[in-house]
C-alpha atoms as a PDB file:
ATOM      1  CA  UNK A   1     -60.573  14.165 -75.072  1.00  0.00           C
ATOM      2  CA  UNK A   2     -57.218  12.846 -76.138  1.00  0.00           C
ATOM      3  CA  UNK A   3     -56.591  10.449 -73.243  1.00  0.00           C
ATOM      4  CA  UNK A   4     -60.155   9.120 -72.866  1.00  0.00           C
ATOM      5  CA  UNK A   5     -60.240   5.382 -73.543  1.00  0.00           C
ATOM      6  CA  UNK A   6     -63.847   5.520 -74.781  1.00  0.00           C
ATOM      7  CA  UNK A   7     -63.018   8.355 -77.188  1.00  0.00           C
ATOM      8  CA  UNK A   8     -60.196   6.168 -78.530  1.00  0.00           C
ATOM      9  CA  UNK A   9     -62.650   3.273 -78.965  1.00  0.00           C
ATOM     10  CA  UNK A  10     -65.033   5.602 -80.831  1.00  0.00           C
ATOM     11  CA  UNK A  11     -62.179   6.672 -83.153  1.00  0.00           C
ATOM     12  CA  UNK A  12     -61.224   3.036 -83.773  1.00  0.00           C
ATOM     13  CA  UNK A  13     -57.818   3.441 -82.118  1.00  0.00           C
ATOM     14  CA  UNK A  14     -58.705   0.690 -79.632  1.00  0.00           C
ATOM     15  CA  UNK A  15     -60.660  -2.347 -80.874  1.00  0.00           C
ATOM     16  CA  UNK A  16     -64.046  -3.265 -79.430  1.00  0.00           C
ATOM     17  CA  UNK A  17     -66.715  -5.857 -80.069  1.00  0.00           C
ATOM     18  CA  UNK A  18     -69.483  -3.591 -81.326  1.00  0.00           C
ATOM     19  CA  UNK A  19     -73.115  -4.396 -80.623  1.00  0.00           C
ATOM     20  CA  UNK A  20     -74.600  -1.191 -82.066  1.00  0.00           C
ATOM     21  CA  UNK A  21     -73.362   1.961 -83.760  1.00  0.00           C
ATOM     22  CA  UNK A  22     -74.862   5.039 -85.369  1.00  0.00           C
ATOM     23  CA  UNK A  23     -73.732   8.652 -85.798  1.00  0.00           C
ATOM     24  CA  UNK A  24     -74.305   9.501 -82.121  1.00  0.00           C
ATOM     25  CA  UNK A  25     -74.005   6.295 -80.095  1.00  0.00           C
ATOM     26  CA  UNK A  26     -71.703   3.301 -79.783  1.00  0.00           C
ATOM     27  CA  UNK A  27     -72.451   0.128 -77.835  1.00  0.00           C
ATOM     28  CA  UNK A  28     -69.871  -2.602 -77.295  1.00  0.00           C
ATOM     29  CA  UNK A  29     -69.248  -5.620 -75.084  1.00  0.00           C
ATOM     30  CA  UNK A  30     -67.445  -4.947 -71.805  1.00  0.00           C
ATOM     31  CA  UNK A  31     -64.028  -6.632 -71.715  1.00  0.00           C
ATOM     32  CA  UNK A  32     -64.557  -7.539 -68.040  1.00  0.00           C
ATOM     33  CA  UNK A  33     -68.219  -8.576 -67.973  1.00  0.00           C
ATOM     34  CA  UNK A  34     -70.001  -8.605 -64.624  1.00  0.00           C
ATOM     35  CA  UNK A  35     -72.871 -10.676 -66.064  1.00  0.00           C
ATOM     36  CA  UNK A  36     -73.181 -13.022 -69.064  1.00  0.00           C
ATOM     37  CA  UNK A  37     -74.463 -10.054 -71.087  1.00  0.00           C
ATOM     38  CA  UNK A  38     -72.624  -6.806 -70.318  1.00  0.00           C
ATOM     39  CA  UNK A  39     -72.785  -4.048 -72.911  1.00  0.00           C
ATOM     40  CA  UNK A  40     -71.510  -0.484 -72.545  1.00  0.00           C
ATOM     41  CA  UNK A  41     -73.626   2.162 -74.276  1.00  0.00           C
ATOM     42  CA  UNK A  42     -71.879   5.503 -74.805  1.00  0.00           C
ATOM     43  CA  UNK A  43     -72.546   8.767 -76.596  1.00  0.00           C
ATOM     44  CA  UNK A  44     -69.926   9.618 -79.192  1.00  0.00           C
ATOM     45  CA  UNK A  45     -69.946  13.154 -77.821  1.00  0.00           C
ATOM     46  CA  UNK A  46     -67.582  13.330 -74.860  1.00  0.00           C
ATOM     47  CA  UNK A  47     -69.630  14.019 -71.741  1.00  0.00           C
ATOM     48  CA  UNK A  48     -67.856  13.140 -68.493  1.00  0.00           C
ATOM     49  CA  UNK A  49     -70.907  11.917 -66.569  1.00  0.00           C
ATOM     50  CA  UNK A  50     -74.586  12.572 -65.883  1.00  0.00           C
ATOM     51  CA  UNK A  51     -73.777  15.829 -64.081  1.00  0.00           C
ATOM     52  CA  UNK A  52     -72.382  17.250 -67.326  1.00  0.00           C
ATOM     53  CA  UNK A  53     -75.479  16.502 -69.412  1.00  0.00           C
ATOM     54  CA  UNK A  54     -76.974  19.809 -70.566  1.00  0.00           C
ATOM     55  CA  UNK A  55     -80.312  20.843 -72.059  1.00  0.00           C
ATOM     56  CA  UNK A  56     -78.740  20.606 -75.511  1.00  0.00           C
ATOM     57  CA  UNK A  57     -78.120  16.887 -74.828  1.00  0.00           C
ATOM     58  CA  UNK A  58     -81.810  16.100 -74.194  1.00  0.00           C
ATOM     59  CA  UNK A  59     -82.411  14.564 -77.616  1.00  0.00           C
ATOM     60  CA  UNK A  60     -79.218  12.494 -77.361  1.00  0.00           C
ATOM     61  CA  UNK A  61     -80.205  11.161 -73.936  1.00  0.00           C
ATOM     62  CA  UNK A  62     -83.626  10.142 -75.219  1.00  0.00           C
ATOM     63  CA  UNK A  63     -81.990   8.432 -78.176  1.00  0.00           C
ATOM     64  CA  UNK A  64     -79.691   6.504 -75.828  1.00  0.00           C
ATOM     65  CA  UNK A  65     -82.728   5.101 -73.994  1.00  0.00           C
ATOM     66  CA  UNK A  66     -84.340   4.005 -77.272  1.00  0.00           C
ATOM     67  CA  UNK A  67     -81.053   2.395 -78.380  1.00  0.00           C
ATOM     68  CA  UNK A  68     -80.819   0.491 -75.075  1.00  0.00           C
ATOM     69  CA  UNK A  69     -84.324  -0.855 -75.758  1.00  0.00           C
ATOM     70  CA  UNK A  70     -83.208  -1.971 -79.248  1.00  0.00           C
ATOM     71  CA  UNK A  71     -80.116  -3.671 -77.840  1.00  0.00           C
ATOM     72  CA  UNK A  72     -82.173  -5.492 -75.193  1.00  0.00           C
ATOM     73  CA  UNK A  73     -84.478  -6.797 -77.923  1.00  0.00           C
ATOM     74  CA  UNK A  74     -81.529  -7.683 -80.174  1.00  0.00           C
ATOM     75  CA  UNK A  75     -79.943  -9.692 -77.346  1.00  0.00           C
ATOM     76  CA  UNK A  76     -83.240 -11.338 -76.395  1.00  0.00           C
ATOM     77  CA  UNK A  77     -83.410  -9.966 -72.855  1.00  0.00           C
ATOM     78  CA  UNK A  78     -86.209  -7.441 -73.346  1.00  0.00           C
ATOM     79  CA  UNK A  79     -88.882  -9.655 -71.799  1.00  0.00           C
ATOM     80  CA  UNK A  80     -86.937 -11.472 -69.091  1.00  0.00           C
ATOM     81  CA  UNK A  81     -85.257  -8.326 -67.861  1.00  0.00           C
ATOM     82  CA  UNK A  82     -82.037  -6.372 -67.690  1.00  0.00           C
ATOM     83  CA  UNK A  83     -80.414  -3.715 -65.532  1.00  0.00           C
ATOM     84  CA  UNK A  84     -79.071  -0.323 -66.582  1.00  0.00           C
ATOM     85  CA  UNK A  85     -76.392   1.355 -64.444  1.00  0.00           C
ATOM     86  CA  UNK A  86     -74.593   4.652 -64.889  1.00  0.00           C
ATOM     87  CA  UNK A  87     -72.024   5.548 -62.264  1.00  0.00           C
ATOM     88  CA  UNK A  88     -71.457   9.264 -61.684  1.00  0.00           C
ATOM     89  CA  UNK A  89     -68.169  10.415 -60.181  1.00  0.00           C
ATOM     90  CA  UNK A  90     -65.346   8.692 -58.317  1.00  0.00           C
ATOM     91  CA  UNK A  91     -67.312   7.735 -55.171  1.00  0.00           C
ATOM     92  CA  UNK A  92     -69.806   5.835 -57.343  1.00  0.00           C
ATOM     93  CA  UNK A  93     -67.072   3.713 -58.872  1.00  0.00           C
ATOM     94  CA  UNK A  94     -66.931   5.544 -62.210  1.00  0.00           C
ATOM     95  CA  UNK A  95     -63.553   4.593 -63.653  1.00  0.00           C
ATOM     96  CA  UNK A  96     -63.804   6.084 -67.147  1.00  0.00           C
ATOM     97  CA  UNK A  97     -64.834   9.737 -67.136  1.00  0.00           C
ATOM     98  CA  UNK A  98     -66.976   9.441 -70.273  1.00  0.00           C
ATOM     99  CA  UNK A  99     -70.719   9.016 -69.772  1.00  0.00           C
ATOM    100  CA  UNK A 100     -71.651   5.372 -70.189  1.00  0.00           C
ATOM    101  CA  UNK A 101     -74.440   3.007 -69.344  1.00  0.00           C
ATOM    102  CA  UNK A 102     -73.946  -0.633 -68.386  1.00  0.00           C
ATOM    103  CA  UNK A 103     -76.642  -2.912 -69.807  1.00  0.00           C
ATOM    104  CA  UNK A 104     -76.459  -6.044 -67.650  1.00  0.00           C
ATOM    105  CA  UNK A 105     -78.429  -9.245 -68.248  1.00  0.00           C
ATOM    106  CA  UNK A 106     -78.234 -12.980 -68.709  1.00  0.00           C
ATOM    107  CA  UNK A 107     -78.804 -14.026 -65.113  1.00  0.00           C
ATOM    108  CA  UNK A 108     -81.023 -13.208 -62.167  1.00  0.00           C
ATOM    109  CA  UNK A 109     -79.732 -10.082 -60.460  1.00  0.00           C
ATOM    110  CA  UNK A 110     -79.145  -9.701 -56.734  1.00  0.00           C
ATOM    111  CA  UNK A 111     -81.545  -7.969 -54.388  1.00  0.00           C
ATOM    112  CA  UNK A 112     -82.839  -4.634 -55.463  1.00  0.00           C
ATOM    113  CA  UNK A 113     -81.092  -1.637 -53.951  1.00  0.00           C
ATOM    114  CA  UNK A 114     -84.042   0.731 -54.216  1.00  0.00           C
ATOM    115  CA  UNK A 115     -87.597   0.285 -55.388  1.00  0.00           C
END
């Protein structure tokens, strides 16, 4: 997508502080962190949100989970804990229509929403 900010970050048109990158996935620090550690993990393939994930994306989605584990270990939060959030659609608060996961850590989180 030409006007997608995350696609521009992937192409290097907009700078980011990269935490992880491979052929399929990019992870970078959020410029407006909600917690001391706030990393965005995105597929390089443009997928608007979780509702647009197809069967052909199954391997990519599994890889994203494994990469989030690696990042948690790399940042030293794998044992103490972290939160993963993916907003889906405007009512959820999704602002960038490119699938992304927020890896949040570095402090005790608020009360759990669901168990």
